[in-house]
């Protein structure tokens, strides 16, 4: 009977060291999620922020709503862009509502 208790005790001692290994799958999942989802999203945000800071008068842009126009001016104090839609039509938009710049040759 004492031998059985001793054997049971050694089996329990071997499992005690595996506590750190139990977290290994969670750590691997977090690393995979970081490189597949979070990091590319951060890169896109930085690229969009850089685009917004590099905008200048005369750039042809598209808004998040799908409206095309040419930048006619800025109001830096209110973070507003004046967008010229047509010859007689100008619209004020938040700078953050600009989705992208249209290249000269694509229109």
PDB file of N, CA and C in Angstrom:
ATOM      1  N   UNK A   1       0.818  -1.191   0.000  1.00  0.00           N
ATOM      2  CA  UNK A   1       0.000   0.000   0.000  1.00  0.00           C
ATOM      3  C   UNK A   1       0.864   1.259   0.000  1.00  0.00           C
ATOM      4  N   UNK A   2       1.946   1.264   0.685  1.00  0.00           N
ATOM      5  CA  UNK A   2       2.802   2.433   0.697  1.00  0.00           C
ATOM      6  C   UNK A   2       3.424   2.688  -0.671  1.00  0.00           C
ATOM      7  N   UNK A   3       3.681   1.651  -1.413  1.00  0.00           N
ATOM      8  CA  UNK A   3       4.266   1.814  -2.731  1.00  0.00           C
ATOM      9  C   UNK A   3       3.289   2.525  -3.673  1.00  0.00           C
ATOM     10  N   UNK A   4       2.018   2.202  -3.534  1.00  0.00           N
ATOM     11  CA  UNK A   4       1.023   2.835  -4.394  1.00  0.00           C
ATOM     12  C   UNK A   4       0.913   4.333  -4.093  1.00  0.00           C
ATOM     13  N   UNK A   5       0.942   4.691  -2.858  1.00  0.00           N
ATOM     14  CA  UNK A   5       0.865   6.103  -2.479  1.00  0.00           C
ATOM     15  C   UNK A   5       2.101   6.832  -2.987  1.00  0.00           C
ATOM     16  N   UNK A   6       3.252   6.212  -2.898  1.00  0.00           N
ATOM     17  CA  UNK A   6       4.480   6.824  -3.362  1.00  0.00           C
ATOM     18  C   UNK A   6       4.440   7.029  -4.878  1.00  0.00           C
ATOM     19  N   UNK A   7       3.967   6.061  -5.592  1.00  0.00           N
ATOM     20  CA  UNK A   7       3.876   6.176  -7.050  1.00  0.00           C
ATOM     21  C   UNK A   7       2.891   7.270  -7.454  1.00  0.00           C
ATOM     22  N   UNK A   8       1.805   7.360  -6.755  1.00  0.00           N
ATOM     23  CA  UNK A   8       0.832   8.403  -7.066  1.00  0.00           C
ATOM     24  C   UNK A   8       1.424   9.784  -6.798  1.00  0.00           C
ATOM     25  N   UNK A   9       2.227   9.876  -5.796  1.00  0.00           N
ATOM     26  CA  UNK A   9       2.844  11.155  -5.466  1.00  0.00           C
ATOM     27  C   UNK A   9       3.827  11.598  -6.546  1.00  0.00           C
ATOM     28  N   UNK A  10       4.562  10.699  -7.121  1.00  0.00           N
ATOM     29  CA  UNK A  10       5.520  11.089  -8.159  1.00  0.00           C
ATOM     30  C   UNK A  10       4.808  11.495  -9.450  1.00  0.00           C
ATOM     31  N   UNK A  11       3.688  10.896  -9.757  1.00  0.00           N
ATOM     32  CA  UNK A  11       2.960  11.285 -10.958  1.00  0.00           C
ATOM     33  C   UNK A  11       2.419  12.706 -10.810  1.00  0.00           C
ATOM     34  N   UNK A  12       1.955  13.062  -9.642  1.00  0.00           N
ATOM     35  CA  UNK A  12       1.457  14.421  -9.420  1.00  0.00           C
ATOM     36  C   UNK A  12       2.582  15.443  -9.491  1.00  0.00           C
ATOM     37  N   UNK A  13       3.769  15.069  -9.069  1.00  0.00           N
ATOM     38  CA  UNK A  13       4.909  15.977  -9.118  1.00  0.00           C
ATOM     39  C   UNK A  13       5.336  16.271 -10.553  1.00  0.00           C
ATOM     40  N   UNK A  14       5.172  15.327 -11.449  1.00  0.00           N
ATOM     41  CA  UNK A  14       5.554  15.544 -12.843  1.00  0.00           C
ATOM     42  C   UNK A  14       4.611  16.537 -13.528  1.00  0.00           C
ATOM     43  N   UNK A  15       3.374  16.590 -13.138  1.00  0.00           N
ATOM     44  CA  UNK A  15       2.412  17.485 -13.765  1.00  0.00           C
ATOM     45  C   UNK A  15       2.578  18.917 -13.284  1.00  0.00           C
ATOM     46  N   UNK A  16       3.193  19.149 -12.177  1.00  0.00           N
ATOM     47  CA  UNK A  16       3.347  20.493 -11.630  1.00  0.00           C
ATOM     48  C   UNK A  16       4.211  21.390 -12.511  1.00  0.00           C
ATOM     49  N   UNK A  17       5.189  20.846 -13.214  1.00  0.00           N
ATOM     50  CA  UNK A  17       6.061  21.646 -14.058  1.00  0.00           C
ATOM     51  C   UNK A  17       5.411  22.054 -15.372  1.00  0.00           C
ATOM     52  N   UNK A  18       4.289  21.469 -15.731  1.00  0.00           N
ATOM     53  CA  UNK A  18       3.642  21.766 -17.005  1.00  0.00           C
ATOM     54  C   UNK A  18       2.735  22.971 -16.971  1.00  0.00           C
ATOM     55  N   UNK A  19       2.709  23.729 -15.895  1.00  0.00           N
ATOM     56  CA  UNK A  19       1.837  24.892 -15.781  1.00  0.00           C
ATOM     57  C   UNK A  19       2.136  25.960 -16.823  1.00  0.00           C
ATOM     58  N   UNK A  20       3.413  26.166 -17.114  1.00  0.00           N
ATOM     59  CA  UNK A  20       3.795  27.175 -18.107  1.00  0.00           C
ATOM     60  C   UNK A  20       3.455  26.706 -19.514  1.00  0.00           C
ATOM     61  N   UNK A  21       3.557  25.429 -19.745  1.00  0.00           N
ATOM     62  CA  UNK A  21       3.249  24.898 -21.070  1.00  0.00           C
ATOM     63  C   UNK A  21       1.762  24.983 -21.394  1.00  0.00           C
ATOM     64  N   UNK A  22       0.933  25.077 -20.373  1.00  0.00           N
ATOM     65  CA  UNK A  22      -0.510  25.192 -20.603  1.00  0.00           C
ATOM     66  C   UNK A  22      -0.856  26.539 -21.239  1.00  0.00           C
ATOM     67  N   UNK A  23      -0.022  27.567 -21.010  1.00  0.00           N
ATOM     68  CA  UNK A  23      -0.271  28.885 -21.588  1.00  0.00           C
ATOM     69  C   UNK A  23       0.340  29.048 -22.976  1.00  0.00           C
ATOM     70  N   UNK A  24       1.141  28.122 -23.402  1.00  0.00           N
ATOM     71  CA  UNK A  24       1.806  28.211 -24.703  1.00  0.00           C
ATOM     72  C   UNK A  24       0.829  28.321 -25.874  1.00  0.00           C
ATOM     73  N   UNK A  25      -0.250  27.546 -25.944  1.00  0.00           N
ATOM     74  CA  UNK A  25      -1.197  27.719 -27.058  1.00  0.00           C
ATOM     75  C   UNK A  25      -1.839  29.107 -27.081  1.00  0.00           C
ATOM     76  N   UNK A  26      -2.146  29.663 -25.915  1.00  0.00           N
ATOM     77  CA  UNK A  26      -2.738  31.004 -25.859  1.00  0.00           C
ATOM     78  C   UNK A  26      -1.755  32.061 -26.346  1.00  0.00           C
ATOM     79  N   UNK A  27      -0.501  31.895 -25.969  1.00  0.00           N
ATOM     80  CA  UNK A  27       0.522  32.835 -26.417  1.00  0.00           C
ATOM     81  C   UNK A  27       0.699  32.744 -27.927  1.00  0.00           C
ATOM     82  N   UNK A  28       0.723  31.529 -28.467  1.00  0.00           N
ATOM     83  CA  UNK A  28       0.861  31.349 -29.916  1.00  0.00           C
ATOM     84  C   UNK A  28      -0.332  31.938 -30.663  1.00  0.00           C
ATOM     85  N   UNK A  29      -1.528  31.752 -30.138  1.00  0.00           N
ATOM     86  CA  UNK A  29      -2.727  32.316 -30.773  1.00  0.00           C
ATOM     87  C   UNK A  29      -2.656  33.834 -30.770  1.00  0.00           C
ATOM     88  N   UNK A  30      -2.224  34.441 -29.682  1.00  0.00           N
ATOM     89  CA  UNK A  30      -2.099  35.894 -29.621  1.00  0.00           C
ATOM     90  C   UNK A  30      -1.073  36.398 -30.632  1.00  0.00           C
ATOM     91  N   UNK A  31       0.050  35.711 -30.759  1.00  0.00           N
ATOM     92  CA  UNK A  31       1.083  36.117 -31.720  1.00  0.00           C
ATOM     93  C   UNK A  31       0.546  36.024 -33.145  1.00  0.00           C
ATOM     94  N   UNK A  32      -0.182  34.969 -33.459  1.00  0.00           N
ATOM     95  CA  UNK A  32      -0.757  34.804 -34.798  1.00  0.00           C
ATOM     96  C   UNK A  32      -1.778  35.904 -35.072  1.00  0.00           C
ATOM     97  N   UNK A  33      -2.647  36.195 -34.113  1.00  0.00           N
ATOM     98  CA  UNK A  33      -3.650  37.254 -34.293  1.00  0.00           C
ATOM     99  C   UNK A  33      -2.956  38.599 -34.481  1.00  0.00           C
ATOM    100  N   UNK A  34      -1.890  38.842 -33.736  1.00  0.00           N
ATOM    101  CA  UNK A  34      -1.173  40.117 -33.858  1.00  0.00           C
ATOM    102  C   UNK A  34      -0.631  40.296 -35.274  1.00  0.00           C
ATOM    103  N   UNK A  35       0.039  39.273 -35.805  1.00  0.00           N
ATOM    104  CA  UNK A  35       0.670  39.421 -37.114  1.00  0.00           C
ATOM    105  C   UNK A  35      -0.323  39.335 -38.269  1.00  0.00           C
ATOM    106  N   UNK A  36      -1.451  38.674 -38.094  1.00  0.00           N
ATOM    107  CA  UNK A  36      -2.413  38.550 -39.193  1.00  0.00           C
ATOM    108  C   UNK A  36      -3.495  39.617 -39.182  1.00  0.00           C
ATOM    109  N   UNK A  37      -3.795  40.211 -38.017  1.00  0.00           N
ATOM    110  CA  UNK A  37      -4.906  41.157 -37.941  1.00  0.00           C
ATOM    111  C   UNK A  37      -4.489  42.531 -37.423  1.00  0.00           C
ATOM    112  N   UNK A  38      -3.867  42.588 -36.284  1.00  0.00           N
ATOM    113  CA  UNK A  38      -3.598  43.871 -35.638  1.00  0.00           C
ATOM    114  C   UNK A  38      -2.513  44.676 -36.348  1.00  0.00           C
ATOM    115  N   UNK A  39      -1.424  44.042 -36.702  1.00  0.00           N
ATOM    116  CA  UNK A  39      -0.315  44.769 -37.335  1.00  0.00           C
ATOM    117  C   UNK A  39      -0.693  45.340 -38.698  1.00  0.00           C
ATOM    118  N   UNK A  40      -1.344  44.580 -39.590  1.00  0.00           N
ATOM    119  CA  UNK A  40      -1.756  45.182 -40.868  1.00  0.00           C
ATOM    120  C   UNK A  40      -2.745  46.330 -40.694  1.00  0.00           C
ATOM    121  N   UNK A  41      -3.631  46.228 -39.717  1.00  0.00           N
ATOM    122  CA  UNK A  41      -4.588  47.312 -39.468  1.00  0.00           C
ATOM    123  C   UNK A  41      -3.859  48.571 -39.016  1.00  0.00           C
ATOM    124  N   UNK A  42      -2.856  48.429 -38.175  1.00  0.00           N
ATOM    125  CA  UNK A  42      -2.076  49.583 -37.727  1.00  0.00           C
ATOM    126  C   UNK A  42      -1.331  50.218 -38.896  1.00  0.00           C
ATOM    127  N   UNK A  43      -0.814  49.389 -39.815  1.00  0.00           N
ATOM    128  CA  UNK A  43      -0.125  49.925 -40.990  1.00  0.00           C
ATOM    129  C   UNK A  43      -1.085  50.708 -41.875  1.00  0.00           C
ATOM    130  N   UNK A  44      -2.307  50.187 -42.071  1.00  0.00           N
ATOM    131  CA  UNK A  44      -3.299  50.896 -42.883  1.00  0.00           C
ATOM    132  C   UNK A  44      -3.674  52.227 -42.237  1.00  0.00           C
ATOM    133  N   UNK A  45      -3.826  52.251 -40.919  1.00  0.00           N
ATOM    134  CA  UNK A  45      -4.163  53.492 -40.224  1.00  0.00           C
ATOM    135  C   UNK A  45      -3.053  54.526 -40.372  1.00  0.00           C
ATOM    136  N   UNK A  46      -1.804  54.092 -40.254  1.00  0.00           N
ATOM    137  CA  UNK A  46      -0.688  55.017 -40.403  1.00  0.00           C
ATOM    138  C   UNK A  46      -0.615  55.553 -41.832  1.00  0.00           C
ATOM    139  N   UNK A  47      -0.845  54.695 -42.822  1.00  0.00           N
ATOM    140  CA  UNK A  47      -0.815  55.130 -44.216  1.00  0.00           C
ATOM    141  C   UNK A  47      -1.939  56.126 -44.498  1.00  0.00           C
ATOM    142  N   UNK A  48      -3.132  55.884 -43.945  1.00  0.00           N
ATOM    143  CA  UNK A  48      -4.258  56.798 -44.149  1.00  0.00           C
ATOM    144  C   UNK A  48      -3.986  58.131 -43.460  1.00  0.00           C
ATOM    145  N   UNK A  49      -3.409  58.099 -42.278  1.00  0.00           N
ATOM    146  CA  UNK A  49      -3.084  59.341 -41.565  1.00  0.00           C
ATOM    147  C   UNK A  49      -2.039  60.136 -42.342  1.00  0.00           C
ATOM    148  N   UNK A  50      -1.056  59.439 -42.917  1.00  0.00           N
ATOM    149  CA  UNK A  50      -0.038  60.113 -43.723  1.00  0.00           C
ATOM    150  C   UNK A  50      -0.677  60.744 -44.965  1.00  0.00           C
ATOM    151  N   UNK A  51      -1.627  60.025 -45.588  1.00  0.00           N
ATOM    152  CA  UNK A  51      -2.337  60.558 -46.747  1.00  0.00           C
ATOM    153  C   UNK A  51      -3.072  61.843 -46.387  1.00  0.00           C
ATOM    154  N   UNK A  52      -3.745  61.851 -45.249  1.00  0.00           N
ATOM    155  CA  UNK A  52      -4.509  63.027 -44.836  1.00  0.00           C
ATOM    156  C   UNK A  52      -3.607  64.233 -44.559  1.00  0.00           C
ATOM    157  N   UNK A  53      -2.422  63.994 -44.034  1.00  0.00           N
ATOM    158  CA  UNK A  53      -1.524  65.118 -43.758  1.00  0.00           C
ATOM    159  C   UNK A  53      -0.858  65.644 -45.030  1.00  0.00           C
ATOM    160  N   UNK A  54      -0.742  64.802 -46.062  1.00  0.00           N
ATOM    161  CA  UNK A  54      -0.078  65.203 -47.303  1.00  0.00           C
ATOM    162  C   UNK A  54      -1.038  65.813 -48.327  1.00  0.00           C
ATOM    163  N   UNK A  55      -2.318  65.904 -48.019  1.00  0.00           N
ATOM    164  CA  UNK A  55      -3.266  66.484 -48.972  1.00  0.00           C
ATOM    165  C   UNK A  55      -2.940  67.946 -49.231  1.00  0.00           C
ATOM    166  N   UNK A  56      -3.131  68.369 -50.478  1.00  0.00           N
ATOM    167  CA  UNK A  56      -2.888  69.770 -50.819  1.00  0.00           C
ATOM    168  C   UNK A  56      -3.958  70.248 -51.786  1.00  0.00           C
ATOM    169  N   UNK A  57      -4.027  71.526 -51.934  1.00  0.00           N
ATOM    170  CA  UNK A  57      -5.027  72.142 -52.809  1.00  0.00           C
ATOM    171  C   UNK A  57      -4.817  71.652 -54.241  1.00  0.00           C
ATOM    172  N   UNK A  58      -5.916  71.269 -54.897  1.00  0.00           N
ATOM    173  CA  UNK A  58      -5.857  70.776 -56.270  1.00  0.00           C
ATOM    174  C   UNK A  58      -5.835  69.269 -56.388  1.00  0.00           C
ATOM    175  N   UNK A  59      -5.658  68.554 -55.264  1.00  0.00           N
ATOM    176  CA  UNK A  59      -5.685  67.082 -55.308  1.00  0.00           C
ATOM    177  C   UNK A  59      -7.094  66.593 -55.590  1.00  0.00           C
ATOM    178  N   UNK A  60      -7.204  65.581 -56.440  1.00  0.00           N
ATOM    179  CA  UNK A  60      -8.497  64.944 -56.707  1.00  0.00           C
ATOM    180  C   UNK A  60      -8.645  63.795 -55.723  1.00  0.00           C
ATOM    181  N   UNK A  61      -9.769  63.776 -54.982  1.00  0.00           N
ATOM    182  CA  UNK A  61      -9.958  62.791 -53.914  1.00  0.00           C
ATOM    183  C   UNK A  61     -11.339  62.154 -54.015  1.00  0.00           C
ATOM    184  N   UNK A  62     -11.502  61.064 -53.280  1.00  0.00           N
ATOM    185  CA  UNK A  62     -12.798  60.413 -53.117  1.00  0.00           C
ATOM    186  C   UNK A  62     -13.076  60.349 -51.619  1.00  0.00           C
ATOM    187  N   UNK A  63     -14.342  60.574 -51.249  1.00  0.00           N
ATOM    188  CA  UNK A  63     -14.723  60.558 -49.830  1.00  0.00           C
ATOM    189  C   UNK A  63     -15.183  59.165 -49.431  1.00  0.00           C
ATOM    190  N   UNK A  64     -15.397  58.983 -48.133  1.00  0.00           N
ATOM    191  CA  UNK A  64     -15.917  57.709 -47.641  1.00  0.00           C
ATOM    192  C   UNK A  64     -17.307  57.416 -48.188  1.00  0.00           C
ATOM    193  N   UNK A  65     -18.062  58.448 -48.548  1.00  0.00           N
ATOM    194  CA  UNK A  65     -19.392  58.274 -49.110  1.00  0.00           C
ATOM    195  C   UNK A  65     -19.381  57.999 -50.605  1.00  0.00           C
ATOM    196  N   UNK A  66     -18.195  58.039 -51.234  1.00  0.00           N
ATOM    197  CA  UNK A  66     -18.089  57.749 -52.653  1.00  0.00           C
ATOM    198  C   UNK A  66     -18.181  58.983 -53.541  1.00  0.00           C
ATOM    199  N   UNK A  67     -18.094  60.172 -52.976  1.00  0.00           N
ATOM    200  CA  UNK A  67     -18.192  61.400 -53.751  1.00  0.00           C
ATOM    201  C   UNK A  67     -16.787  61.811 -54.219  1.00  0.00           C
ATOM    202  N   UNK A  68     -16.680  62.139 -55.517  1.00  0.00           N
ATOM    203  CA  UNK A  68     -15.415  62.579 -56.088  1.00  0.00           C
ATOM    204  C   UNK A  68     -15.380  64.095 -56.141  1.00  0.00           C
ATOM    205  N   UNK A  69     -14.198  64.656 -55.974  1.00  0.00           N
ATOM    206  CA  UNK A  69     -14.058  66.100 -56.060  1.00  0.00           C
ATOM    207  C   UNK A  69     -12.612  66.516 -55.991  1.00  0.00           C
ATOM    208  N   UNK A  70     -12.397  67.813 -56.108  1.00  0.00           N
ATOM    209  CA  UNK A  70     -11.060  68.399 -56.054  1.00  0.00           C
ATOM    210  C   UNK A  70     -10.979  69.304 -54.838  1.00  0.00           C
ATOM    211  N   UNK A  71      -9.883  69.243 -54.126  1.00  0.00           N
ATOM    212  CA  UNK A  71      -9.723  70.059 -52.923  1.00  0.00           C
ATOM    213  C   UNK A  71      -9.555  71.517 -53.339  1.00  0.00           C
ATOM    214  N   UNK A  72     -10.443  72.365 -52.816  1.00  0.00           N
ATOM    215  CA  UNK A  72     -10.405  73.797 -53.123  1.00  0.00           C
ATOM    216  C   UNK A  72      -9.766  74.598 -51.997  1.00  0.00           C
ATOM    217  N   UNK A  73      -9.702  74.041 -50.809  1.00  0.00           N
ATOM    218  CA  UNK A  73      -9.099  74.762 -49.697  1.00  0.00           C
ATOM    219  C   UNK A  73      -9.211  73.978 -48.398  1.00  0.00           C
ATOM    220  N   UNK A  74      -8.618  74.549 -47.351  1.00  0.00           N
ATOM    221  CA  UNK A  74      -8.602  73.922 -46.036  1.00  0.00           C
ATOM    222  C   UNK A  74      -8.991  74.934 -44.971  1.00  0.00           C
ATOM    223  N   UNK A  75      -9.551  74.436 -43.885  1.00  0.00           N
ATOM    224  CA  UNK A  75      -9.750  75.210 -42.669  1.00  0.00           C
ATOM    225  C   UNK A  75      -9.066  74.404 -41.567  1.00  0.00           C
ATOM    226  N   UNK A  76      -7.783  74.676 -41.354  1.00  0.00           N
ATOM    227  CA  UNK A  76      -6.974  73.883 -40.423  1.00  0.00           C
ATOM    228  C   UNK A  76      -7.495  73.966 -38.988  1.00  0.00           C
ATOM    229  N   UNK A  77      -8.079  75.097 -38.637  1.00  0.00           N
ATOM    230  CA  UNK A  77      -8.559  75.284 -37.266  1.00  0.00           C
ATOM    231  C   UNK A  77      -9.662  74.288 -36.932  1.00  0.00           C
ATOM    232  N   UNK A  78     -10.561  74.052 -37.869  1.00  0.00           N
ATOM    233  CA  UNK A  78     -11.683  73.140 -37.644  1.00  0.00           C
ATOM    234  C   UNK A  78     -11.461  71.772 -38.274  1.00  0.00           C
ATOM    235  N   UNK A  79     -10.271  71.562 -38.883  1.00  0.00           N
ATOM    236  CA  UNK A  79      -9.938  70.292 -39.521  1.00  0.00           C
ATOM    237  C   UNK A  79     -10.920  69.961 -40.651  1.00  0.00           C
ATOM    238  N   UNK A  80     -11.229  70.976 -41.470  1.00  0.00           N
ATOM    239  CA  UNK A  80     -12.224  70.858 -42.534  1.00  0.00           C
ATOM    240  C   UNK A  80     -11.546  71.023 -43.887  1.00  0.00           C
ATOM    241  N   UNK A  81     -12.022  70.261 -44.865  1.00  0.00           N
ATOM    242  CA  UNK A  81     -11.564  70.351 -46.244  1.00  0.00           C
ATOM    243  C   UNK A  81     -12.718  70.896 -47.075  1.00  0.00           C
ATOM    244  N   UNK A  82     -12.443  71.875 -47.934  1.00  0.00           N
ATOM    245  CA  UNK A  82     -13.453  72.390 -48.867  1.00  0.00           C
ATOM    246  C   UNK A  82     -13.252  71.639 -50.170  1.00  0.00           C
ATOM    247  N   UNK A  83     -14.267  70.896 -50.570  1.00  0.00           N
ATOM    248  CA  UNK A  83     -14.187  70.031 -51.750  1.00  0.00           C
ATOM    249  C   UNK A  83     -15.027  70.626 -52.870  1.00  0.00           C
ATOM    250  N   UNK A  84     -14.418  70.818 -54.028  1.00  0.00           N
ATOM    251  CA  UNK A  84     -15.119  71.346 -55.198  1.00  0.00           C
ATOM    252  C   UNK A  84     -15.648  70.151 -55.989  1.00  0.00           C
ATOM    253  N   UNK A  85     -16.992  70.046 -56.023  1.00  0.00           N
ATOM    254  CA  UNK A  85     -17.646  68.930 -56.698  1.00  0.00           C
ATOM    255  C   UNK A  85     -17.889  69.263 -58.168  1.00  0.00           C
ATOM    256  N   UNK A  86     -18.364  70.463 -58.423  1.00  0.00           N
ATOM    257  CA  UNK A  86     -18.710  70.934 -59.760  1.00  0.00           C
ATOM    258  C   UNK A  86     -18.227  72.381 -59.871  1.00  0.00           C
ATOM    259  N   UNK A  87     -18.461  73.016 -60.992  1.00  0.00           N
ATOM    260  CA  UNK A  87     -18.011  74.399 -61.177  1.00  0.00           C
ATOM    261  C   UNK A  87     -18.589  75.336 -60.120  1.00  0.00           C
ATOM    262  N   UNK A  88     -19.853  75.153 -59.759  1.00  0.00           N
ATOM    263  CA  UNK A  88     -20.521  76.048 -58.811  1.00  0.00           C
ATOM    264  C   UNK A  88     -20.830  75.381 -57.474  1.00  0.00           C
ATOM    265  N   UNK A  89     -20.304  74.208 -57.225  1.00  0.00           N
ATOM    266  CA  UNK A  89     -20.660  73.461 -56.016  1.00  0.00           C
ATOM    267  C   UNK A  89     -19.424  73.161 -55.185  1.00  0.00           C
ATOM    268  N   UNK A  90     -19.440  73.659 -53.946  1.00  0.00           N
ATOM    269  CA  UNK A  90     -18.367  73.363 -52.992  1.00  0.00           C
ATOM    270  C   UNK A  90     -18.994  72.811 -51.726  1.00  0.00           C
ATOM    271  N   UNK A  91     -18.335  71.835 -51.137  1.00  0.00           N
ATOM    272  CA  UNK A  91     -18.838  71.161 -49.942  1.00  0.00           C
ATOM    273  C   UNK A  91     -17.725  71.148 -48.898  1.00  0.00           C
ATOM    274  N   UNK A  92     -18.111  71.385 -47.647  1.00  0.00           N
ATOM    275  CA  UNK A  92     -17.148  71.290 -46.547  1.00  0.00           C
ATOM    276  C   UNK A  92     -17.273  69.914 -45.903  1.00  0.00           C
ATOM    277  N   UNK A  93     -16.144  69.244 -45.746  1.00  0.00           N
ATOM    278  CA  UNK A  93     -16.100  67.909 -45.156  1.00  0.00           C
ATOM    279  C   UNK A  93     -15.007  67.857 -44.101  1.00  0.00           C
ATOM    280  N   UNK A  94     -15.163  66.969 -43.149  1.00  0.00           N
ATOM    281  CA  UNK A  94     -14.077  66.716 -42.220  1.00  0.00           C
ATOM    282  C   UNK A  94     -12.930  66.072 -42.973  1.00  0.00           C
ATOM    283  N   UNK A  95     -11.732  66.404 -42.581  1.00  0.00           N
ATOM    284  CA  UNK A  95     -10.550  65.843 -43.244  1.00  0.00           C
ATOM    285  C   UNK A  95     -10.540  64.310 -43.143  1.00  0.00           C
ATOM    286  N   UNK A  96     -11.029  63.780 -42.040  1.00  0.00           N
ATOM    287  CA  UNK A  96     -11.020  62.330 -41.843  1.00  0.00           C
ATOM    288  C   UNK A  96     -12.002  61.592 -42.750  1.00  0.00           C
ATOM    289  N   UNK A  97     -12.910  62.321 -43.410  1.00  0.00           N
ATOM    290  CA  UNK A  97     -13.868  61.656 -44.301  1.00  0.00           C
ATOM    291  C   UNK A  97     -13.308  61.442 -45.698  1.00  0.00           C
ATOM    292  N   UNK A  98     -12.071  61.844 -45.943  1.00  0.00           N
ATOM    293  CA  UNK A  98     -11.410  61.586 -47.225  1.00  0.00           C
ATOM    294  C   UNK A  98     -10.907  60.145 -47.210  1.00  0.00           C
ATOM    295  N   UNK A  99     -11.334  59.354 -48.193  1.00  0.00           N
ATOM    296  CA  UNK A  99     -10.951  57.951 -48.243  1.00  0.00           C
ATOM    297  C   UNK A  99      -9.638  57.743 -48.991  1.00  0.00           C
ATOM    298  N   UNK A 100      -9.410  58.547 -50.031  1.00  0.00           N
ATOM    299  CA  UNK A 100      -8.179  58.353 -50.785  1.00  0.00           C
ATOM    300  C   UNK A 100      -7.993  59.400 -51.855  1.00  0.00           C
ATOM    301  N   UNK A 101      -6.818  59.412 -52.416  1.00  0.00           N
ATOM    302  CA  UNK A 101      -6.470  60.344 -53.482  1.00  0.00           C
ATOM    303  C   UNK A 101      -6.602  59.619 -54.812  1.00  0.00           C
ATOM    304  N   UNK A 102      -7.119  60.308 -55.817  1.00  0.00           N
ATOM    305  CA  UNK A 102      -7.263  59.735 -57.153  1.00  0.00           C
ATOM    306  C   UNK A 102      -6.074  60.196 -57.981  1.00  0.00           C
ATOM    307  N   UNK A 103      -5.420  59.257 -58.626  1.00  0.00           N
ATOM    308  CA  UNK A 103      -4.257  59.593 -59.443  1.00  0.00           C
ATOM    309  C   UNK A 103      -4.704  60.341 -60.702  1.00  0.00           C
ATOM    310  N   UNK A 104      -3.833  61.117 -61.246  1.00  0.00           N
ATOM    311  CA  UNK A 104      -4.143  61.976 -62.392  1.00  0.00           C
ATOM    312  C   UNK A 104      -4.602  61.173 -63.617  1.00  0.00           C
ATOM    313  N   UNK A 105      -3.989  60.043 -63.903  1.00  0.00           N
ATOM    314  CA  UNK A 105      -4.284  59.292 -65.117  1.00  0.00           C
ATOM    315  C   UNK A 105      -5.503  58.391 -65.033  1.00  0.00           C
ATOM    316  N   UNK A 106      -6.119  58.228 -63.846  1.00  0.00           N
ATOM    317  CA  UNK A 106      -7.209  57.263 -63.696  1.00  0.00           C
ATOM    318  C   UNK A 106      -8.578  57.842 -63.988  1.00  0.00           C
ATOM    319  N   UNK A 107      -8.700  59.150 -64.280  1.00  0.00           N
ATOM    320  CA  UNK A 107     -10.031  59.696 -64.562  1.00  0.00           C
ATOM    321  C   UNK A 107     -10.222  60.066 -65.997  1.00  0.00           C
TER     322      UNK A 107
END
